[in-house]
Amino acid sequence: MKNKVYISLGIVIAGIAIAYYFFVTLPQVEKYAKLFSLKQQCAQTGEQYYQKILVQNARDNAKDQALVPGSSWQENQPKYIYNEKLNTCLYEEGGTFCDVKNSCLETKSIIDLSTNQTLVSYDGFPNDFSKVTQREWQDRINFDTQETQLFGKIQ
């Protein structure tokens, strides 16, 4: 009689373990595998987009040099991340344009690479803080807030 109880108990425990594996563990593994794949795809898409931007900016720099000799454009290192909440790949681009007098303006934008839509941006933040208007400060603060919400704390 005791053996039947132990065997029954063993079968129940084995059943619970198997059910846990199929209904809890396996779905989590699949979820993380899919998330990892989406992050890899985003990294590839972001890098391809960056390479395209570099080519485009090289052409634009040549035009800028013709219009404003001595000017320069310095591209920021891009950031791209898969945003789970939005279920999309986000890309941050930007850079700094300086004229011959070393008067510089910074620009940044965050783009949803699946729709190619700019989500948030700001243009023309000067390097001379004494020339920054209240509106420019507010635009920069709004951008930084959105950037933190979209990209998280990684900077």
Foldseek 3Di string as FASTA:
>chain_A
DVVVVVVVVVVVVVVVVVCCCVPPVVVVVVVVVVQVVLFVVLVVLQVVVVVVVVVVVVVVQVVVCVVAPPKDKDKDDKDWGQFPVVRFIKIKIWTWIAGNVRWIFIKMFIAGSVVRDTPAIDTGDTPPVVPDDPVNVVSVVVVVVVCCVRVNPDD
